[in-house]
Amino acid sequence: MGFILYLIVGGIIGWLAGLILGKNVPGGVIGNIIAGIIGAWIGGELLGSFGPSLAGIAIIPALLGAIIFVFLLSLLLRGMRRTSH
């Protein structure tokens, strides 16, 4: 049950990061989960683990990390689209 909760929290964090930035995370639900989990890792490395935690994910650093990840991903994908045309 813990792993499923971890995936759900990761998906919500990825979805929130996309909403905050006004960007759609590629891959739909799976993309949101991946963005949330990678964001949790980035946020944990940069900011540590503070604030409320759910399923082993510190929510505030994870959200900030996911915002960073989604922003960088959108820049990368935009750059790839420009070079392919």
N, C-alpha and C. Protein backbone atom coordinates (compact mmCIF):
# COMPACT_ATOMS: atom_id res chain seq x y z
N MET A 1 0.82 -1.20 0.00
CA MET A 1 0.00 0.00 0.00
C MET A 1 0.86 1.26 0.00
N GLY A 2 2.03 1.22 0.65
CA GLY A 2 2.90 2.38 0.71
C GLY A 2 3.40 2.82 -0.65
N PHE A 3 3.70 1.84 -1.53
CA PHE A 3 4.19 2.17 -2.87
C PHE A 3 3.12 2.86 -3.69
N ILE A 4 1.89 2.38 -3.58
CA ILE A 4 0.78 2.99 -4.32
C ILE A 4 0.54 4.42 -3.84
N LEU A 5 0.60 4.63 -2.53
CA LEU A 5 0.45 5.98 -1.99
C LEU A 5 1.59 6.89 -2.46
N TYR A 6 2.79 6.34 -2.53
CA TYR A 6 3.95 7.08 -3.04
C TYR A 6 3.71 7.53 -4.49
N LEU A 7 3.17 6.64 -5.32
CA LEU A 7 2.87 6.98 -6.72
C LEU A 7 1.77 8.03 -6.80
N ILE A 8 0.76 7.91 -5.95
CA ILE A 8 -0.35 8.88 -5.96
C ILE A 8 0.16 10.26 -5.56
N VAL A 9 0.95 10.33 -4.49
CA VAL A 9 1.49 11.62 -4.03
C VAL A 9 2.41 12.20 -5.11
N GLY A 10 3.23 11.36 -5.73
CA GLY A 10 4.10 11.83 -6.82
C GLY A 10 3.28 12.39 -7.98
N GLY A 11 2.19 11.72 -8.32
CA GLY A 11 1.33 12.19 -9.41
C GLY A 11 0.68 13.52 -9.09
N ILE A 12 0.23 13.68 -7.86
CA ILE A 12 -0.40 14.95 -7.45
C ILE A 12 0.62 16.08 -7.47
N ILE A 13 1.82 15.81 -6.99
CA ILE A 13 2.87 16.84 -6.98
C ILE A 13 3.23 17.23 -8.41
N GLY A 14 3.38 16.26 -9.30
CA GLY A 14 3.68 16.57 -10.71
C GLY A 14 2.56 17.36 -11.36
N TRP A 15 1.32 17.00 -11.06
CA TRP A 15 0.17 17.71 -11.60
C TRP A 15 0.13 19.15 -11.10
N LEU A 16 0.37 19.34 -9.79
CA LEU A 16 0.39 20.69 -9.23
C LEU A 16 1.50 21.54 -9.84
N ALA A 17 2.66 20.95 -10.06
CA ALA A 17 3.77 21.69 -10.67
C ALA A 17 3.38 22.16 -12.07
N GLY A 18 2.73 21.29 -12.84
CA GLY A 18 2.27 21.67 -14.17
C GLY A 18 1.23 22.78 -14.12
N LEU A 19 0.32 22.70 -13.15
CA LEU A 19 -0.70 23.75 -12.99
C LEU A 19 -0.06 25.09 -12.63
N ILE A 20 0.88 25.07 -11.70
CA ILE A 20 1.52 26.31 -11.26
C ILE A 20 2.27 26.97 -12.42
N LEU A 21 2.94 26.17 -13.23
CA LEU A 21 3.69 26.72 -14.36
C LEU A 21 2.83 26.96 -15.60
N GLY A 22 1.64 26.41 -15.63
CA GLY A 22 0.80 26.53 -16.81
C GLY A 22 1.30 25.68 -17.96
N LYS A 23 1.98 24.59 -17.65
CA LYS A 23 2.53 23.69 -18.66
C LYS A 23 1.90 22.32 -18.49
N ASN A 24 1.68 21.65 -19.59
CA ASN A 24 1.23 20.27 -19.53
C ASN A 24 2.45 19.37 -19.47
N VAL A 25 2.47 18.48 -18.51
CA VAL A 25 3.56 17.52 -18.41
C VAL A 25 3.30 16.45 -19.46
N PRO A 26 4.27 16.19 -20.35
CA PRO A 26 4.05 15.16 -21.36
C PRO A 26 3.86 13.79 -20.72
N GLY A 27 3.00 12.99 -21.29
CA GLY A 27 2.79 11.65 -20.79
C GLY A 27 1.58 11.49 -19.89
N GLY A 28 0.82 12.56 -19.70
CA GLY A 28 -0.39 12.47 -18.90
C GLY A 28 -0.13 12.09 -17.46
N VAL A 29 -0.89 11.12 -16.97
CA VAL A 29 -0.80 10.70 -15.57
C VAL A 29 0.58 10.13 -15.27
N ILE A 30 1.09 9.29 -16.16
CA ILE A 30 2.42 8.71 -15.95
C ILE A 30 3.48 9.80 -15.92
N GLY A 31 3.37 10.77 -16.80
CA GLY A 31 4.30 11.90 -16.80
C GLY A 31 4.23 12.70 -15.51
N ASN A 32 3.03 12.90 -14.99
CA ASN A 32 2.87 13.60 -13.71
C ASN A 32 3.53 12.83 -12.57
N ILE A 33 3.35 11.51 -12.56
CA ILE A 33 3.96 10.69 -11.52
C ILE A 33 5.48 10.78 -11.60
N ILE A 34 6.01 10.67 -12.80
CA ILE A 34 7.46 10.73 -12.98
C ILE A 34 7.98 12.12 -12.59
N ALA A 35 7.28 13.17 -13.02
CA ALA A 35 7.71 14.53 -12.66
C ALA A 35 7.67 14.73 -11.15
N GLY A 36 6.65 14.20 -10.49
CA GLY A 36 6.55 14.34 -9.04
C GLY A 36 7.65 13.59 -8.31
N ILE A 37 7.97 12.39 -8.76
CA ILE A 37 9.00 11.60 -8.10
C ILE A 37 10.38 12.20 -8.35
N ILE A 38 10.65 12.60 -9.58
CA ILE A 38 11.93 13.26 -9.86
C ILE A 38 12.00 14.59 -9.13
N GLY A 39 10.89 15.30 -9.08
CA GLY A 39 10.84 16.56 -8.34
C GLY A 39 11.10 16.36 -6.86
N ALA A 40 10.57 15.28 -6.30
CA ALA A 40 10.83 14.98 -4.89
C ALA A 40 12.31 14.73 -4.66
N TRP A 41 12.94 14.04 -5.59
CA TRP A 41 14.38 13.79 -5.46
C TRP A 41 15.18 15.10 -5.58
N ILE A 42 14.86 15.91 -6.60
CA ILE A 42 15.55 17.20 -6.78
C ILE A 42 15.35 18.08 -5.56
N GLY A 43 14.12 18.22 -5.11
CA GLY A 43 13.81 19.05 -3.95
C GLY A 43 14.51 18.55 -2.70
N GLY A 44 14.56 17.24 -2.54
CA GLY A 44 15.24 16.67 -1.38
C GLY A 44 16.73 16.94 -1.40
N GLU A 45 17.33 16.86 -2.57
CA GLU A 45 18.77 17.11 -2.70
C GLU A 45 19.10 18.58 -2.48
N LEU A 46 18.27 19.47 -3.02
CA LEU A 46 18.55 20.90 -2.93
C LEU A 46 18.13 21.51 -1.59
N LEU A 47 17.00 21.06 -1.07
CA LEU A 47 16.40 21.73 0.09
C LEU A 47 16.31 20.86 1.34
N GLY A 48 16.60 19.59 1.22
CA GLY A 48 16.44 18.71 2.37
C GLY A 48 14.97 18.32 2.54
N SER A 49 14.63 17.82 3.70
CA SER A 49 13.24 17.42 3.93
C SER A 49 12.69 18.20 5.12
N PHE A 50 11.88 19.18 4.80
CA PHE A 50 11.24 19.97 5.85
C PHE A 50 9.76 20.08 5.53
N GLY A 51 9.00 20.47 6.49
CA GLY A 51 7.57 20.63 6.28
C GLY A 51 6.84 19.31 6.38
N PRO A 52 5.58 19.33 6.00
CA PRO A 52 4.77 18.11 6.09
C PRO A 52 5.27 17.03 5.13
N SER A 53 5.08 15.79 5.54
CA SER A 53 5.53 14.66 4.74
C SER A 53 4.38 13.68 4.58
N LEU A 54 4.28 13.10 3.38
CA LEU A 54 3.25 12.11 3.11
C LEU A 54 3.88 11.02 2.26
N ALA A 55 3.73 9.78 2.67
CA ALA A 55 4.28 8.62 1.97
C ALA A 55 5.79 8.74 1.80
N GLY A 56 6.46 9.35 2.76
CA GLY A 56 7.91 9.49 2.68
C GLY A 56 8.37 10.63 1.80
N ILE A 57 7.45 11.45 1.32
CA ILE A 57 7.78 12.59 0.45
C ILE A 57 7.53 13.87 1.23
N ALA A 58 8.57 14.69 1.38
CA ALA A 58 8.40 16.01 1.99
C ALA A 58 7.73 16.90 0.95
N ILE A 59 6.53 17.33 1.23
CA ILE A 59 5.67 17.97 0.23
C ILE A 59 6.26 19.26 -0.34
N ILE A 60 6.72 20.16 0.50
CA ILE A 60 7.19 21.47 0.01
C ILE A 60 8.44 21.34 -0.86
N PRO A 61 9.49 20.65 -0.41
CA PRO A 61 10.65 20.49 -1.29
C PRO A 61 10.32 19.72 -2.57
N ALA A 62 9.43 18.73 -2.45
CA ALA A 62 9.06 17.96 -3.63
C ALA A 62 8.35 18.83 -4.66
N LEU A 63 7.44 19.68 -4.19
CA LEU A 63 6.72 20.56 -5.11
C LEU A 63 7.68 21.55 -5.77
N LEU A 64 8.57 22.13 -4.99
CA LEU A 64 9.55 23.06 -5.57
C LEU A 64 10.48 22.34 -6.56
N GLY A 65 10.90 21.14 -6.22
CA GLY A 65 11.73 20.36 -7.14
C GLY A 65 10.98 19.99 -8.41
N ALA A 66 9.71 19.64 -8.29
CA ALA A 66 8.91 19.30 -9.47
C ALA A 66 8.70 20.52 -10.36
N ILE A 67 8.53 21.69 -9.75
CA ILE A 67 8.40 22.92 -10.55
C ILE A 67 9.69 23.15 -11.34
N ILE A 68 10.82 22.98 -10.69
CA ILE A 68 12.11 23.12 -11.39
C ILE A 68 12.21 22.11 -12.52
N PHE A 69 11.85 20.86 -12.25
CA PHE A 69 11.95 19.81 -13.26
C PHE A 69 11.02 20.08 -14.45
N VAL A 70 9.77 20.43 -14.18
CA VAL A 70 8.82 20.69 -15.27
C VAL A 70 9.26 21.89 -16.09
N PHE A 71 9.79 22.92 -15.44
CA PHE A 71 10.27 24.09 -16.15
C PHE A 71 11.44 23.72 -17.07
N LEU A 72 12.42 22.98 -16.54
CA LEU A 72 13.56 22.57 -17.37
C LEU A 72 13.13 21.64 -18.50
N LEU A 73 12.19 20.74 -18.22
CA LEU A 73 11.68 19.84 -19.24
C LEU A 73 10.98 20.61 -20.36
N SER A 74 10.21 21.63 -19.99
CA SER A 74 9.52 22.42 -21.01
C SER A 74 10.52 23.18 -21.88
N LEU A 75 11.59 23.70 -21.26
CA LEU A 75 12.63 24.37 -22.06
C LEU A 75 13.31 23.40 -23.01
N LEU A 76 13.62 22.22 -22.52
CA LEU A 76 14.27 21.20 -23.34
C LEU A 76 13.38 20.79 -24.51
N LEU A 77 12.11 20.54 -24.24
CA LEU A 77 11.20 20.12 -25.30
C LEU A 77 10.96 21.23 -26.31
N ARG A 78 10.90 22.47 -25.84
CA ARG A 78 10.73 23.60 -26.77
C ARG A 78 11.95 23.73 -27.66
N GLY A 79 13.14 23.57 -27.11
CA GLY A 79 14.36 23.63 -27.89
C GLY A 79 14.44 22.50 -28.91
N MET A 80 13.97 21.33 -28.54
CA MET A 80 13.98 20.20 -29.46
C MET A 80 13.01 20.41 -30.62
N ARG A 81 11.86 21.04 -30.33
CA ARG A 81 10.89 21.31 -31.38
C ARG A 81 11.44 22.33 -32.37
N ARG A 82 12.16 23.34 -31.87
CA ARG A 82 12.72 24.37 -32.75
C ARG A 82 13.79 23.81 -33.68
N THR A 83 14.62 22.91 -33.18
CA THR A 83 15.70 22.37 -34.00
C THR A 83 15.20 21.35 -35.01
N SER A 84 14.03 20.75 -34.77
CA SER A 84 13.53 19.73 -35.69
C SER A 84 12.78 20.34 -36.87
N HIS A 85 12.48 21.64 -36.82
CA HIS A 85 11.75 22.27 -37.92
C HIS A 85 12.67 22.84 -38.92
